[in-house]
Amino acid sequence: MKKRPKTVKAMFSSAEDGDEFTAMVKTTVADWALQKHPKTSPEEIAMLNAIPPGPCPRCGFPAPIRWGRSKEGIARYRCESCGRTFGPLTGTLFDSHKIPASEWVEYLVNVAEYESVRQSGLTNMNAVSTGRYWSIKLFAALEGVQDGVALHGDVYVDETYFKETPSGLTMVDGRKLRGISRDCICVATAVASDGFVMVRCGNGKPSGRRILEALGGHIADGSHLIHDGENSHRALVKALGLSEEVHPTSETEGLPDSSNPLAKVNTLHRYLKKFMSRHGAFDREYIQGWLDLFHEVHSCFGDAHEFVDRVLRRVISCRKVLRYRKAMSKKRGKI
């Protein structure tokens, strides 16, 4: 069986030469690919040169000196301690990158528009594996992005669940576990007028300890907790000195949003499910990364410019190196 090319460009460039019609199609796709993968622009070079040099990424020496420019005109620096040279992106998630950092703009716009990783890769004329690799980089950059969220006033709390992938399901006598079992990944959500937070909270129904670990640091003391009466929520009320308002599921089930007191958190869960439905086969190992990404997408809801600006700044400044081989090891599965 003929091996499928990894990119759209490869699909057409590998086609046999034919008549003028075939030549026109191949030339059009080649030109399209060139537009999708331009050389580093003067604006990107200026942006990179504006990044102040940090400590040496190899030995940590704090005061590198200017050491000329690369052939593209990007600033180079030299460490006076170890003698190594480096650029503004060395030691970051863009270390040794082959595709201009500016291509992330289109990728992030696609993410904000709820486009799947696979479709985004095809749209950008990259290999599907490139989209997966970039997503893992994105999760690394967004790690801890919700840590500073603090909610005040009326705080709505609830949980939603995602099933484990088929390979991770527990089978008892050949049957799957029913209901909210340990095969269901719990996502604890708290939302108020000043923001929201979503945190992975183990598997199955959360205990008081787990819900307190997930949400306790994000709810201000003395706030008013509005919830469905889940037993674990009592831990929040007790530990944080909260007042509470309980609306059991039996009372709210089937109510329209206009009259449902928990509509605020339910609506957020619907958006999350819609977002994740675009990535149905995502590796559950990365679920907190997906929650962090959704948090940023929804916090900038309707403003792709703000989302791209704040996230791309975070990715470029993230002092982590994630090599393709390590990130894409077959042992890590899908994202």
Protein backbone atom coordinates (compact mmCIF):
# COMPACT_ATOMS: atom_id res chain seq x y z
CA MET A 1 0.00 0.00 0.00
CA LYS A 2 1.33 3.44 -0.97
CA LYS A 3 2.42 5.52 2.01
CA ARG A 4 0.37 8.67 2.51
CA PRO A 5 2.40 11.93 2.29
CA LYS A 6 2.60 13.86 5.56
CA THR A 7 1.76 17.30 4.17
CA VAL A 8 -0.56 18.77 1.54
CA LYS A 9 2.46 20.07 -0.39
CA ALA A 10 4.00 16.59 -0.47
CA MET A 11 0.74 15.11 -1.75
CA PHE A 12 0.89 17.29 -4.86
CA SER A 13 4.66 17.54 -5.40
CA SER A 14 4.93 13.74 -5.44
CA ALA A 15 2.32 13.47 -8.21
CA GLU A 16 3.59 12.49 -11.63
CA ASP A 17 4.07 15.23 -14.23
CA GLY A 18 1.31 15.41 -16.80
CA ASP A 19 -0.21 18.01 -19.06
CA GLU A 20 -0.57 21.76 -18.59
CA PHE A 21 -3.51 21.26 -16.23
CA THR A 22 -1.40 19.10 -13.86
CA ALA A 23 1.42 21.65 -14.00
CA MET A 24 -0.99 24.45 -13.09
CA VAL A 25 -2.32 22.54 -10.06
CA LYS A 26 1.16 21.64 -8.77
CA THR A 27 2.44 25.20 -9.25
CA THR A 28 -0.57 26.66 -7.45
CA VAL A 29 -0.07 24.39 -4.42
CA ALA A 30 3.69 25.12 -4.39
CA ASP A 31 2.99 28.88 -4.40
CA TRP A 32 0.39 28.41 -1.69
CA ALA A 33 2.92 26.52 0.44
CA LEU A 34 5.47 29.30 -0.06
CA GLN A 35 2.93 31.83 1.21
CA LYS A 36 2.20 29.62 4.22
CA HIS A 37 5.90 29.16 5.02
CA PRO A 38 7.61 32.48 4.26
CA LYS A 39 11.11 33.41 5.35
CA THR A 40 11.52 35.19 8.67
CA SER A 41 9.99 38.64 8.18
CA PRO A 42 11.71 41.94 9.10
CA GLU A 43 8.98 42.45 11.73
CA GLU A 44 9.77 39.11 13.36
CA ILE A 45 13.51 39.85 13.31
CA ALA A 46 12.84 43.23 14.97
CA MET A 47 10.64 41.53 17.58
CA LEU A 48 13.33 38.93 18.37
CA ASN A 49 16.06 41.59 18.61
CA ALA A 50 13.90 43.52 21.09
CA ILE A 51 13.94 40.58 23.54
CA PRO A 52 16.43 41.45 26.31
CA PRO A 53 19.06 38.71 26.80
CA GLY A 54 18.59 36.60 29.89
CA PRO A 55 21.18 34.50 31.72
CA CYS A 56 23.25 32.09 29.66
CA PRO A 57 20.95 29.13 28.86
CA ARG A 58 23.90 26.73 29.27
CA CYS A 59 25.60 27.78 32.52
CA GLY A 60 23.34 30.49 33.95
CA PHE A 61 25.93 33.30 33.86
CA PRO A 62 23.85 36.49 34.27
CA ALA A 63 25.65 38.98 32.00
CA PRO A 64 26.16 37.84 28.37
CA ILE A 65 27.60 40.28 25.82
CA ARG A 66 26.50 41.09 22.26
CA TRP A 67 28.22 38.88 19.70
CA GLY A 68 27.13 39.99 16.24
CA ARG A 69 24.12 38.77 14.30
CA SER A 70 22.99 35.64 12.49
CA LYS A 71 22.75 35.56 8.68
CA GLU A 72 19.06 36.53 9.04
CA GLY A 73 20.04 39.57 11.13
CA ILE A 74 18.98 38.15 14.52
CA ALA A 75 21.11 39.21 17.50
CA ARG A 76 23.63 36.76 18.95
CA TYR A 77 25.13 36.80 22.44
CA ARG A 78 28.22 35.28 24.03
CA CYS A 79 28.64 34.05 27.58
CA GLU A 80 31.92 35.25 29.11
CA SER A 81 31.86 32.36 31.55
CA CYS A 82 31.45 29.26 29.34
CA GLY A 83 32.24 30.89 25.99
CA ARG A 84 29.10 29.59 24.28
CA THR A 85 27.05 31.75 21.93
CA PHE A 86 23.27 31.85 21.71
CA GLY A 87 20.29 33.76 20.33
CA PRO A 88 17.18 35.30 21.94
CA LEU A 89 15.20 32.04 21.60
CA THR A 90 17.92 29.64 22.79
CA GLY A 91 16.74 27.79 25.88
CA THR A 92 13.06 28.51 25.15
CA LEU A 93 10.30 26.46 23.58
CA PHE A 94 11.45 27.85 20.21
CA ASP A 95 15.00 26.54 20.69
CA SER A 96 16.24 25.05 17.36
CA HIS A 97 12.92 25.81 15.66
CA LYS A 98 12.82 25.44 11.87
CA ILE A 99 9.52 27.21 11.17
CA PRO A 100 9.31 30.99 11.83
CA ALA A 101 7.75 31.82 15.18
CA SER A 102 5.28 34.05 13.34
CA GLU A 103 3.55 30.92 11.96
CA TRP A 104 2.23 30.39 15.46
CA VAL A 105 -0.06 33.37 14.89
CA GLU A 106 -2.21 31.44 12.41
CA TYR A 107 -2.00 28.30 14.56
CA LEU A 108 -3.27 30.18 17.63
CA VAL A 109 -6.04 31.86 15.65
CA ASN A 110 -7.17 28.37 14.59
CA VAL A 111 -7.12 27.25 18.23
CA ALA A 112 -9.23 30.25 19.25
CA GLU A 113 -11.74 29.31 16.53
CA TYR A 114 -12.14 25.79 18.01
CA GLU A 115 -10.34 24.15 15.09
CA SER A 116 -8.87 20.68 15.67
CA VAL A 117 -5.11 20.15 15.85
CA ARG A 118 -5.25 17.96 12.76
CA GLN A 119 -7.24 20.45 10.71
CA SER A 120 -5.02 23.30 11.86
CA GLY A 121 -1.96 21.41 10.64
CA LEU A 122 -3.55 20.87 7.23
CA THR A 123 -4.68 24.51 7.03
CA ASN A 124 -1.14 25.69 7.79
CA MET A 125 0.29 23.13 5.33
CA ASN A 126 2.27 21.47 8.12
CA ALA A 127 2.46 17.80 8.98
CA VAL A 128 -0.20 16.65 11.46
CA SER A 129 2.64 15.72 13.83
CA THR A 130 3.75 19.38 13.83
CA GLY A 131 0.36 20.42 15.21
CA ARG A 132 0.63 17.79 17.93
CA TYR A 133 4.15 18.91 18.81
CA TRP A 134 3.10 22.55 18.98
CA SER A 135 0.17 21.66 21.23
CA ILE A 136 2.49 19.94 23.70
CA LYS A 137 4.71 23.04 23.64
CA LEU A 138 1.63 25.17 24.24
CA PHE A 139 0.65 23.10 27.29
CA ALA A 140 4.18 23.50 28.67
CA ALA A 141 3.99 27.28 28.26
CA LEU A 142 0.54 27.52 29.85
CA GLU A 143 1.42 25.38 32.86
CA GLY A 144 0.38 27.30 35.98
CA VAL A 145 -1.56 29.94 34.02
CA GLN A 146 -4.57 29.52 36.33
CA ASP A 147 -2.55 29.56 39.57
CA GLY A 148 -3.20 33.24 40.24
CA VAL A 149 -6.97 33.12 39.69
CA ALA A 150 -8.84 34.35 42.79
CA LEU A 151 -12.65 34.42 42.82
CA HIS A 152 -14.79 36.69 45.00
CA GLY A 153 -18.45 37.24 45.78
CA ASP A 154 -20.93 34.73 44.35
CA VAL A 155 -18.90 31.68 43.31
CA TYR A 156 -20.61 28.88 41.36
CA VAL A 157 -19.06 25.42 41.74
CA ASP A 158 -19.76 22.18 39.90
CA GLU A 159 -18.00 19.25 38.24
CA THR A 160 -18.00 17.75 34.77
CA TYR A 161 -16.46 14.49 33.57
CA PHE A 162 -14.54 12.99 30.66
CA LYS A 163 -14.35 9.27 30.00
CA GLU A 164 -10.98 7.58 29.90
CA THR A 165 -9.90 6.37 26.45
CA PRO A 166 -10.92 2.77 25.60
CA SER A 167 -7.44 1.48 26.42
CA GLY A 168 -7.67 3.00 29.90
CA LEU A 169 -11.12 1.67 30.84
CA THR A 170 -11.58 -0.79 33.68
CA MET A 171 -13.43 -3.93 32.64
CA VAL A 172 -15.26 -6.10 35.20
CA ASP A 173 -16.47 -9.44 33.82
CA GLY A 174 -16.14 -7.99 30.33
CA ARG A 175 -18.28 -4.96 31.11
CA LYS A 176 -17.47 -1.29 31.49
CA LEU A 177 -18.06 0.44 34.81
CA ARG A 178 -21.32 2.37 34.93
CA GLY A 179 -22.10 5.87 36.17
CA ILE A 180 -19.49 8.26 37.56
CA SER A 181 -16.82 5.64 38.18
CA ARG A 182 -13.04 5.71 38.38
CA ASP A 183 -13.08 5.62 34.57
CA CYS A 184 -14.43 9.19 34.59
CA ILE A 185 -11.93 12.03 34.90
CA CYS A 186 -13.32 14.75 37.15
CA VAL A 187 -12.91 18.43 36.22
CA ALA A 188 -13.74 20.81 39.08
CA THR A 189 -14.97 24.25 38.00
CA ALA A 190 -15.51 27.47 39.93
CA VAL A 191 -16.79 30.61 38.21
CA ALA A 192 -17.58 34.12 39.47
CA SER A 193 -18.02 37.57 37.98
CA ASP A 194 -14.24 38.11 38.09
CA GLY A 195 -13.16 34.93 36.30
CA PHE A 196 -13.17 31.16 36.44
CA VAL A 197 -10.90 28.21 37.07
CA MET A 198 -10.93 24.59 35.84
CA VAL A 199 -8.76 21.96 37.49
CA ARG A 200 -8.41 18.22 37.05
CA CYS A 201 -9.68 16.65 40.26
CA GLY A 202 -8.77 12.97 40.06
CA ASN A 203 -11.13 10.26 38.85
CA GLY A 204 -14.70 9.56 39.90
CA LYS A 205 -16.72 11.66 42.33
CA PRO A 206 -14.43 14.05 44.23
CA SER A 207 -13.79 13.77 47.94
CA GLY A 208 -13.74 16.82 50.18
CA ARG A 209 -9.95 16.68 50.29
CA ARG A 210 -9.62 16.58 46.50
CA ILE A 211 -12.10 19.41 45.88
CA LEU A 212 -10.35 21.55 48.51
CA GLU A 213 -6.96 20.90 46.89
CA ALA A 214 -8.35 21.76 43.45
CA LEU A 215 -10.40 24.87 44.23
CA GLY A 216 -9.54 25.97 47.77
CA GLY A 217 -6.71 28.24 46.68
CA HIS A 218 -8.90 30.03 44.13
CA ILE A 219 -11.89 31.07 46.26
CA ALA A 220 -11.55 34.07 48.56
CA ASP A 221 -12.48 33.61 52.21
CA GLY A 222 -16.00 34.77 52.99
CA SER A 223 -17.34 34.32 49.46
CA HIS A 224 -20.84 32.98 48.79
CA LEU A 225 -20.79 29.43 47.37
CA ILE A 226 -23.63 28.44 45.03
CA HIS A 227 -23.66 24.71 44.26
CA ASP A 228 -25.75 21.57 43.74
CA GLY A 229 -25.31 20.08 47.20
CA GLU A 230 -22.48 17.67 46.32
CA ASN A 231 -21.11 16.41 49.67
CA SER A 232 -17.51 17.32 48.83
CA HIS A 233 -18.43 21.01 48.55
CA ARG A 234 -18.93 21.15 52.32
CA ALA A 235 -15.14 21.03 52.66
CA LEU A 236 -14.91 24.38 50.84
CA VAL A 237 -17.64 25.94 52.98
CA LYS A 238 -16.02 24.79 56.20
CA ALA A 239 -12.36 25.48 55.36
CA LEU A 240 -12.90 28.91 53.80
CA GLY A 241 -15.73 30.19 55.99
CA LEU A 242 -18.13 30.53 53.09
CA SER A 243 -21.85 31.14 53.12
CA GLU A 244 -23.71 28.79 50.79
CA GLU A 245 -26.75 28.42 48.60
CA VAL A 246 -27.76 24.90 47.53
CA HIS A 247 -29.76 24.00 44.42
CA PRO A 248 -29.99 20.18 44.08
CA THR A 249 -29.93 18.61 40.62
CA SER A 250 -33.48 17.38 41.17
CA GLU A 251 -34.53 21.02 41.42
CA THR A 252 -32.59 22.42 38.44
CA GLU A 253 -32.70 19.54 35.94
CA GLY A 254 -34.49 20.55 32.75
CA LEU A 255 -34.72 24.23 33.64
CA PRO A 256 -33.89 26.76 30.90
CA ASP A 257 -30.77 28.84 31.50
CA SER A 258 -32.88 31.92 32.16
CA SER A 259 -34.28 30.38 35.35
CA ASN A 260 -31.48 27.96 36.32
CA PRO A 261 -29.44 29.32 39.26
CA LEU A 262 -26.44 27.22 38.13
CA ALA A 263 -26.61 28.37 34.49
CA LYS A 264 -23.31 30.22 34.77
CA VAL A 265 -21.25 27.10 35.45
CA ASN A 266 -23.39 24.88 33.21
CA THR A 267 -22.84 27.21 30.25
CA LEU A 268 -19.09 27.12 30.83
CA HIS A 269 -19.19 23.32 30.82
CA ARG A 270 -21.08 23.33 27.51
CA TYR A 271 -18.38 25.49 25.93
CA LEU A 272 -15.70 23.18 27.33
CA LYS A 273 -17.42 20.09 25.90
CA LYS A 274 -17.77 21.80 22.52
CA PHE A 275 -14.09 22.77 22.57
CA MET A 276 -12.95 19.28 23.53
CA SER A 277 -15.24 17.61 20.99
CA ARG A 278 -12.88 19.00 18.33
CA HIS A 279 -10.14 16.89 19.92
CA GLY A 280 -12.05 13.71 20.74
CA ALA A 281 -9.03 11.39 20.83
CA PHE A 282 -6.93 13.64 23.09
CA ASP A 283 -4.50 11.93 25.45
CA ARG A 284 -6.00 12.16 28.94
CA GLU A 285 -2.49 12.67 30.31
CA TYR A 286 -2.68 16.22 28.95
CA ILE A 287 -6.16 17.09 30.21
CA GLN A 288 -4.89 19.84 32.53
CA GLY A 289 -3.06 21.33 29.55
CA TRP A 290 -6.32 21.36 27.59
CA LEU A 291 -8.10 22.99 30.54
CA ASP A 292 -5.41 25.68 30.75
CA LEU A 293 -5.75 26.27 27.01
CA PHE A 294 -9.54 26.49 27.21
CA HIS A 295 -9.18 28.94 30.09
CA GLU A 296 -7.11 31.27 27.92
CA VAL A 297 -9.38 30.86 24.87
CA HIS A 298 -12.55 31.56 26.85
CA SER A 299 -11.01 34.40 28.88
CA CYS A 300 -10.42 36.16 25.54
CA PHE A 301 -13.76 35.03 24.12
CA GLY A 302 -14.44 36.84 20.84
CA ASP A 303 -11.06 38.59 20.79
CA ALA A 304 -8.56 36.44 18.87
CA HIS A 305 -6.01 39.29 18.89
CA GLU A 306 -5.87 39.40 22.69
CA PHE A 307 -5.60 35.60 22.87
CA VAL A 308 -2.78 35.39 20.31
CA ASP A 309 -0.90 38.31 21.89
CA ARG A 310 -0.95 37.04 25.47
CA VAL A 311 -0.32 33.37 24.63
CA LEU A 312 2.45 33.94 22.07
CA ARG A 313 4.26 36.24 24.51
CA ARG A 314 4.05 33.49 27.11
CA VAL A 315 5.34 30.81 24.71
CA ILE A 316 8.29 32.92 23.55
CA SER A 317 9.31 33.82 27.12
CA CYS A 318 8.93 30.25 28.47
CA ARG A 319 12.38 29.04 29.51
CA LYS A 320 11.85 25.38 28.73
CA VAL A 321 13.34 23.21 25.98
CA LEU A 322 11.13 20.46 24.58
CA ARG A 323 12.72 18.39 21.83
CA TYR A 324 10.58 16.80 19.15
CA ARG A 325 11.81 13.27 19.80
CA LYS A 326 11.02 13.42 23.50
CA ALA A 327 7.63 15.09 23.04
CA MET A 328 6.52 12.80 20.22
CA SER A 329 7.75 9.49 21.62
CA LYS A 330 5.27 6.73 20.75
CA LYS A 331 5.00 5.98 24.47
CA ARG A 332 3.29 9.36 24.96
CA GLY A 333 0.36 8.59 22.66
CA LYS A 334 -1.93 11.21 21.13
CA ILE A 335 -2.75 14.66 22.39
